[in-house]
C-alpha atoms as a PDB file:
ATOM      1  CA  MET A   1      36.995  30.865  17.825  1.00  0.00           C
ATOM      2  CA  ARG A   2      34.247  30.428  20.500  1.00  0.00           C
ATOM      3  CA  HIS A   3      34.407  26.857  22.008  1.00  0.00           C
ATOM      4  CA  ASP A   4      31.009  25.126  21.889  1.00  0.00           C
ATOM      5  CA  PRO A   5      31.045  22.100  24.197  1.00  0.00           C
ATOM      6  CA  SER A   6      28.017  20.595  22.396  1.00  0.00           C
ATOM      7  CA  ARG A   7      30.040  20.373  19.218  1.00  0.00           C
ATOM      8  CA  ALA A   8      33.204  18.754  20.834  1.00  0.00           C
ATOM      9  CA  VAL A   9      34.517  15.475  19.448  1.00  0.00           C
ATOM     10  CA  PRO A  10      34.963  12.674  22.091  1.00  0.00           C
ATOM     11  CA  SER A  11      38.578  12.309  21.058  1.00  0.00           C
ATOM     12  CA  GLY A  12      39.207  15.921  21.984  1.00  0.00           C
ATOM     13  CA  ALA A  13      39.643  17.204  18.416  1.00  0.00           C
ATOM     14  CA  GLU A  14      37.752  20.279  17.598  1.00  0.00           C
ATOM     15  CA  PRO A  15      35.482  20.469  14.399  1.00  0.00           C
ATOM     16  CA  LEU A  16      36.666  22.333  11.495  1.00  0.00           C
ATOM     17  CA  PRO A  17      36.359  26.059  12.588  1.00  0.00           C
ATOM     18  CA  SER A  18      34.174  28.345  10.438  1.00  0.00           C
ATOM     19  CA  GLY A  19      36.122  30.520   8.094  1.00  0.00           C
ATOM     20  CA  GLY A  20      39.470  28.666   8.034  1.00  0.00           C
ATOM     21  CA  GLY A  21      41.844  27.212  10.316  1.00  0.00           C
ATOM     22  CA  ALA A  22      43.675  23.947  10.160  1.00  0.00           C
ATOM     23  CA  ALA A  23      41.608  20.969   9.267  1.00  0.00           C
ATOM     24  CA  PRO A  24      41.518  18.037  11.758  1.00  0.00           C
ATOM     25  CA  SER A  25      43.193  14.765  10.739  1.00  0.00           C
ATOM     26  CA  GLY A  26      41.419  12.279   8.749  1.00  0.00           C
ATOM     27  CA  ALA A  27      40.706  10.170  11.862  1.00  0.00           C
ATOM     28  CA  ALA A  28      39.443  13.172  13.733  1.00  0.00           C
ATOM     29  CA  ARG A  29      37.163  14.099  10.811  1.00  0.00           C
ATOM     30  CA  ILE A  30      35.692  10.616  10.542  1.00  0.00           C
ATOM     31  CA  SER A  31      35.272  10.631  14.396  1.00  0.00           C
ATOM     32  CA  THR A  32      33.362  13.992  14.037  1.00  0.00           C
ATOM     33  CA  LEU A  33      31.068  12.477  11.292  1.00  0.00           C
ATOM     34  CA  ALA A  34      30.611   9.361  13.239  1.00  0.00           C
ATOM     35  CA  THR A  35      29.419  11.217  16.316  1.00  0.00           C
ATOM     36  CA  SER A  36      27.389  14.032  14.765  1.00  0.00           C
ATOM     37  CA  ALA A  37      23.717  14.537  15.135  1.00  0.00           C
ATOM     38  CA  GLU A  38      23.698  14.889  11.303  1.00  0.00           C
ATOM     39  CA  GLY A  39      25.476  11.548  10.800  1.00  0.00           C
ATOM     40  CA  VAL A  40      22.645   9.776  12.965  1.00  0.00           C
ATOM     41  CA  TYR A  41      20.003  11.743  11.241  1.00  0.00           C
ATOM     42  CA  GLY A  42      21.420  10.954   7.686  1.00  0.00           C
ATOM     43  CA  LEU A  43      21.408   7.194   8.455  1.00  0.00           C
ATOM     44  CA  ILE A  44      17.764   7.391   9.767  1.00  0.00           C
ATOM     45  CA  ILE A  45      16.803   9.229   6.465  1.00  0.00           C
ATOM     46  CA  VAL A  46      18.349   6.494   4.532  1.00  0.00           C
ATOM     47  CA  ALA A  47      16.606   3.646   6.404  1.00  0.00           C
ATOM     48  CA  GLY A  48      13.277   5.426   6.211  1.00  0.00           C
ATOM     49  CA  MET A  49      13.652   6.049   2.458  1.00  0.00           C
ATOM     50  CA  ILE A  50      14.734   2.530   1.733  1.00  0.00           C
ATOM     51  CA  VAL A  51      11.778   1.305   3.693  1.00  0.00           C
ATOM     52  CA  VAL A  52       9.258   3.609   1.882  1.00  0.00           C
ATOM     53  CA  SER A  53      10.674   2.976  -1.513  1.00  0.00           C
ATOM     54  CA  ARG A  54       7.683   0.952  -2.546  1.00  0.00           C
ATOM     55  CA  ASN A  55       8.497  -2.035  -0.486  1.00  0.00           C
ATOM     56  CA  LEU A  56      11.437  -3.956   0.729  1.00  0.00           C
ATOM     57  CA  THR A  57      11.296  -6.143  -2.482  1.00  0.00           C
ATOM     58  CA  ALA A  58      11.621  -2.989  -4.621  1.00  0.00           C
ATOM     59  CA  SER A  59      14.667  -2.743  -6.950  1.00  0.00           C
ATOM     60  CA  SER A  60      17.819  -1.362  -5.568  1.00  0.00           C
ATOM     61  CA  GLY A  61      17.733   1.213  -8.178  1.00  0.00           C
ATOM     62  CA  GLU A  62      14.372   2.528  -7.090  1.00  0.00           C
ATOM     63  CA  ALA A  63      15.739   2.569  -3.544  1.00  0.00           C
ATOM     64  CA  LEU A  64      18.962   4.328  -4.528  1.00  0.00           C
ATOM     65  CA  LEU A  65      17.105   6.997  -6.474  1.00  0.00           C
ATOM     66  CA  SER A  66      14.638   7.578  -3.527  1.00  0.00           C
ATOM     67  CA  VAL A  67      17.482   7.766  -1.058  1.00  0.00           C
ATOM     68  CA  ILE A  68      19.752   9.985  -3.004  1.00  0.00           C
ATOM     69  CA  ALA A  69      17.025  12.545  -3.982  1.00  0.00           C
ATOM     70  CA  THR A  70      15.896  12.625  -0.410  1.00  0.00           C
ATOM     71  CA  LEU A  71      19.281  12.973   1.064  1.00  0.00           C
ATOM     72  CA  LEU A  72      20.098  15.845  -1.316  1.00  0.00           C
ATOM     73  CA  VAL A  73      16.938  17.759  -0.541  1.00  0.00           C
ATOM     74  CA  PHE A  74      17.556  17.236   3.248  1.00  0.00           C
ATOM     75  CA  PHE A  75      21.180  18.290   2.872  1.00  0.00           C
ATOM     76  CA  ALA A  76      20.375  21.441   0.895  1.00  0.00           C
ATOM     77  CA  ALA A  77      17.745  22.284   3.522  1.00  0.00           C
ATOM     78  CA  HIS A  78      20.214  21.662   6.348  1.00  0.00           C
ATOM     79  CA  VAL A  79      22.780  23.774   4.696  1.00  0.00           C
ATOM     80  CA  TYR A  80      20.376  26.549   4.189  1.00  0.00           C
ATOM     81  CA  ALA A  81      18.862  26.433   7.761  1.00  0.00           C
ATOM     82  CA  SER A  82      22.368  26.320   9.330  1.00  0.00           C
ATOM     83  CA  ALA A  83      23.568  29.218   7.088  1.00  0.00           C
ATOM     84  CA  VAL A  84      20.572  31.445   7.983  1.00  0.00           C
ATOM     85  CA  SER A  85      20.793  30.461  11.623  1.00  0.00           C
ATOM     86  CA  TRP A  86      24.570  31.362  11.749  1.00  0.00           C
ATOM     87  CA  MET A  87      23.909  34.698  10.163  1.00  0.00           C
ATOM     88  CA  ALA A  88      21.199  35.520  12.644  1.00  0.00           C
ATOM     89  CA  ASP A  89      23.390  34.284  15.583  1.00  0.00           C
ATOM     90  CA  HIS A  90      26.542  36.095  14.368  1.00  0.00           C
ATOM     91  CA  PRO A  91      25.682  39.430  12.699  1.00  0.00           C
ATOM     92  CA  GLU A  92      29.034  40.726  13.680  1.00  0.00           C
ATOM     93  CA  ARG A  93      31.001  38.288  11.614  1.00  0.00           C
ATOM     94  CA  ASP A  94      32.549  39.224   8.115  1.00  0.00           C
ATOM     95  CA  GLY A  95      32.137  37.059   5.046  1.00  0.00           C
ATOM     96  CA  GLY A  96      28.395  37.545   4.513  1.00  0.00           C
ATOM     97  CA  ILE A  97      26.564  34.850   2.670  1.00  0.00           C
ATOM     98  CA  ARG A  98      29.720  32.958   1.518  1.00  0.00           C
ATOM     99  CA  ALA A  99      30.949  32.535   5.141  1.00  0.00           C
ATOM    100  CA  ALA A 100      27.374  31.418   6.144  1.00  0.00           C
ATOM    101  CA  ILE A 101      27.221  28.906   3.323  1.00  0.00           C
ATOM    102  CA  ARG A 102      30.833  27.557   4.293  1.00  0.00           C
ATOM    103  CA  HIS A 103      29.444  27.192   7.845  1.00  0.00           C
ATOM    104  CA  GLY A 104      26.254  25.509   6.691  1.00  0.00           C
ATOM    105  CA  LEU A 105      28.172  23.057   4.527  1.00  0.00           C
ATOM    106  CA  HIS A 106      30.497  22.190   7.307  1.00  0.00           C
ATOM    107  CA  GLU A 107      27.666  21.673   9.750  1.00  0.00           C
ATOM    108  CA  SER A 108      25.683  19.562   7.163  1.00  0.00           C
ATOM    109  CA  VAL A 109      28.401  17.195   5.823  1.00  0.00           C
ATOM    110  CA  GLY A 110      27.643  14.633   8.428  1.00  0.00           C
ATOM    111  CA  LEU A 111      24.253  14.073   6.899  1.00  0.00           C
ATOM    112  CA  LEU A 112      25.855  12.533   3.715  1.00  0.00           C
ATOM    113  CA  GLY A 113      29.086  11.050   5.410  1.00  0.00           C
ATOM    114  CA  LEU A 114      27.807   7.857   7.053  1.00  0.00           C
ATOM    115  CA  ALA A 115      24.864   7.570   4.622  1.00  0.00           C
ATOM    116  CA  ALA A 116      27.418   6.739   1.832  1.00  0.00           C
ATOM    117  CA  VAL A 117      27.789   3.253   3.086  1.00  0.00           C
ATOM    118  CA  PRO A 118      24.167   2.120   2.524  1.00  0.00           C
ATOM    119  CA  VAL A 119      24.095   4.242  -0.669  1.00  0.00           C
ATOM    120  CA  LEU A 120      27.163   2.499  -1.951  1.00  0.00           C
ATOM    121  CA  ILE A 121      25.473  -0.929  -1.203  1.00  0.00           C
ATOM    122  CA  LEU A 122      22.317   0.034  -3.081  1.00  0.00           C
ATOM    123  CA  PHE A 123      24.559   1.146  -5.959  1.00  0.00           C
ATOM    124  CA  LEU A 124      26.160  -2.293  -6.068  1.00  0.00           C
ATOM    125  CA  GLY A 125      22.670  -3.742  -6.554  1.00  0.00           C
ATOM    126  CA  PHE A 126      21.828  -1.206  -9.139  1.00  0.00           C
ATOM    127  CA  ALA A 127      24.977  -2.080 -11.019  1.00  0.00           C
ATOM    128  CA  GLY A 128      24.194  -5.800 -10.903  1.00  0.00           C
ATOM    129  CA  LEU A 129      26.985  -6.708  -8.670  1.00  0.00           C
ATOM    130  CA  LEU A 130      24.540  -7.760  -5.995  1.00  0.00           C
ATOM    131  CA  HIS A 131      21.013  -9.162  -6.289  1.00  0.00           C
ATOM    132  CA  ASP A 132      18.437  -6.373  -5.979  1.00  0.00           C
ATOM    133  CA  GLY A 133      16.509  -7.704  -2.884  1.00  0.00           C
ATOM    134  CA  PHE A 134      19.830  -8.687  -1.216  1.00  0.00           C
ATOM    135  CA  ALA A 135      21.241  -5.133  -1.849  1.00  0.00           C
ATOM    136  CA  VAL A 136      18.239  -3.597  -0.241  1.00  0.00           C
ATOM    137  CA  TRP A 137      18.351  -5.803   2.892  1.00  0.00           C
ATOM    138  CA  MET A 138      22.033  -5.527   3.117  1.00  0.00           C
ATOM    139  CA  ALA A 139      21.804  -1.570   2.834  1.00  0.00           C
ATOM    140  CA  LEU A 140      19.319  -1.731   5.696  1.00  0.00           C
ATOM    141  CA  GLY A 141      21.349  -3.919   7.796  1.00  0.00           C
ATOM    142  CA  ALA A 142      24.546  -1.921   7.235  1.00  0.00           C
ATOM    143  CA  ASP A 143      22.554   1.142   8.189  1.00  0.00           C
ATOM    144  CA  VAL A 144      21.306  -0.327  11.451  1.00  0.00           C
ATOM    145  CA  LEU A 145      24.842  -1.663  12.134  1.00  0.00           C
ATOM    146  CA  LEU A 146      26.191   1.867  11.572  1.00  0.00           C
ATOM    147  CA  LEU A 147      23.660   3.386  13.798  1.00  0.00           C
ATOM    148  CA  ALA A 148      24.695   0.855  16.559  1.00  0.00           C
ATOM    149  CA  VAL A 149      28.389   1.694  16.152  1.00  0.00           C
ATOM    150  CA  VAL A 150      27.635   5.343  16.431  1.00  0.00           C
ATOM    151  CA  GLY A 151      25.659   4.738  19.497  1.00  0.00           C
ATOM    152  CA  TRP A 152      28.604   2.652  21.010  1.00  0.00           C
ATOM    153  CA  VAL A 153      31.070   5.325  20.165  1.00  0.00           C
ATOM    154  CA  ILE A 154      28.973   8.177  21.604  1.00  0.00           C
ATOM    155  CA  ALA A 155      28.361   6.362  24.804  1.00  0.00           C
ATOM    156  CA  GLY A 156      32.040   5.278  24.992  1.00  0.00           C
ATOM    157  CA  ALA A 157      32.902   9.005  25.038  1.00  0.00           C
ATOM    158  CA  ARG A 158      31.105   9.364  28.312  1.00  0.00           C
ATOM    159  CA  THR A 159      31.635   6.055  30.042  1.00  0.00           C
ATOM    160  CA  ARG A 160      33.787   2.994  30.064  1.00  0.00           C
ATOM    161  CA  SER A 161      30.835   0.789  31.096  1.00  0.00           C
ATOM    162  CA  VAL A 162      30.126  -1.882  28.455  1.00  0.00           C
ATOM    163  CA  TRP A 163      26.416  -1.961  29.539  1.00  0.00           C
ATOM    164  CA  ALA A 164      26.064   1.673  29.006  1.00  0.00           C
ATOM    165  CA  ARG A 165      27.849   1.456  25.540  1.00  0.00           C
ATOM    166  CA  LEU A 166      25.597  -1.543  24.582  1.00  0.00           C
ATOM    167  CA  GLY A 167      22.551   0.559  25.735  1.00  0.00           C
ATOM    168  CA  GLY A 168      23.674   3.380  23.476  1.00  0.00           C
ATOM    169  CA  ALA A 169      24.229   1.079  20.721  1.00  0.00           C
ATOM    170  CA  LEU A 170      20.829  -0.540  21.063  1.00  0.00           C
ATOM    171  CA  VAL A 171      18.939   2.775  21.477  1.00  0.00           C
ATOM    172  CA  THR A 172      20.541   4.344  18.405  1.00  0.00           C
ATOM    173  CA  ALA A 173      20.134   1.343  16.243  1.00  0.00           C
ATOM    174  CA  SER A 174      16.576   1.063  17.299  1.00  0.00           C
ATOM    175  CA  PHE A 175      15.690   4.125  15.105  1.00  0.00           C
ATOM    176  CA  GLY A 176      16.598   2.180  12.049  1.00  0.00           C
ATOM    177  CA  GLY A 177      15.088  -1.119  13.400  1.00  0.00           C
ATOM    178  CA  ILE A 178      11.770   0.490  14.380  1.00  0.00           C
ATOM    179  CA  LEU A 179      11.510   1.750  10.625  1.00  0.00           C
ATOM    180  CA  ILE A 180      12.179  -1.796   9.355  1.00  0.00           C
ATOM    181  CA  ALA A 181       9.639  -3.296  11.824  1.00  0.00           C
ATOM    182  CA  LEU A 182       7.003  -0.820  10.876  1.00  0.00           C
ATOM    183  CA  LYS A 183       7.525  -1.583   7.198  1.00  0.00           C
ATOM    184  CA  ALA A 184       7.224  -5.223   7.762  1.00  0.00           C
ATOM    185  CA  LEU A 185       4.120  -4.900   9.763  1.00  0.00           C
ATOM    186  CA  ILE A 186       2.551  -2.540   7.091  1.00  0.00           C
ATOM    187  CA  HIS A 187       3.325  -4.800   4.035  1.00  0.00           C
ATOM    188  CA  HIS A 188       2.813  -8.284   5.486  1.00  0.00           C
END
């Protein structure tokens, strides 16, 4: 397996190798998802889709449908793009399309991983366990909080400075926060 430092996990664990190998521990896998570009991207997609699902007072069901449909389309597109790119970059590898799709799935799973938290909150609203409006706002808040945690963890992999970690958390969370602020400005 070729080592790619850009895909290294801060804890030192390697991501699941393409085409087999021992799977990382549960904690290492969560760490991989929590620090992946795909994880950040998935959370930004969720925040954006919640914001554009008519308005922030839309039902949690409408937001849930919008978020799930968009996440699935982006996930499929990411799997496809990753698989095609892998095949072009590694023509010498055996396994053909199956190996490429496995690679694409492995590379793309982070898009869904962290997004599951706000999706679950929206589902609780849809199921009537939370008030619709509260579920939408809670999902957005959880999304921004998760973005902040990811920023903190990623910065913490590089430095012990609390200020740098806070900066990482603030910058990462700001992507979700900016979407919320834009929605509030547009609809009020």
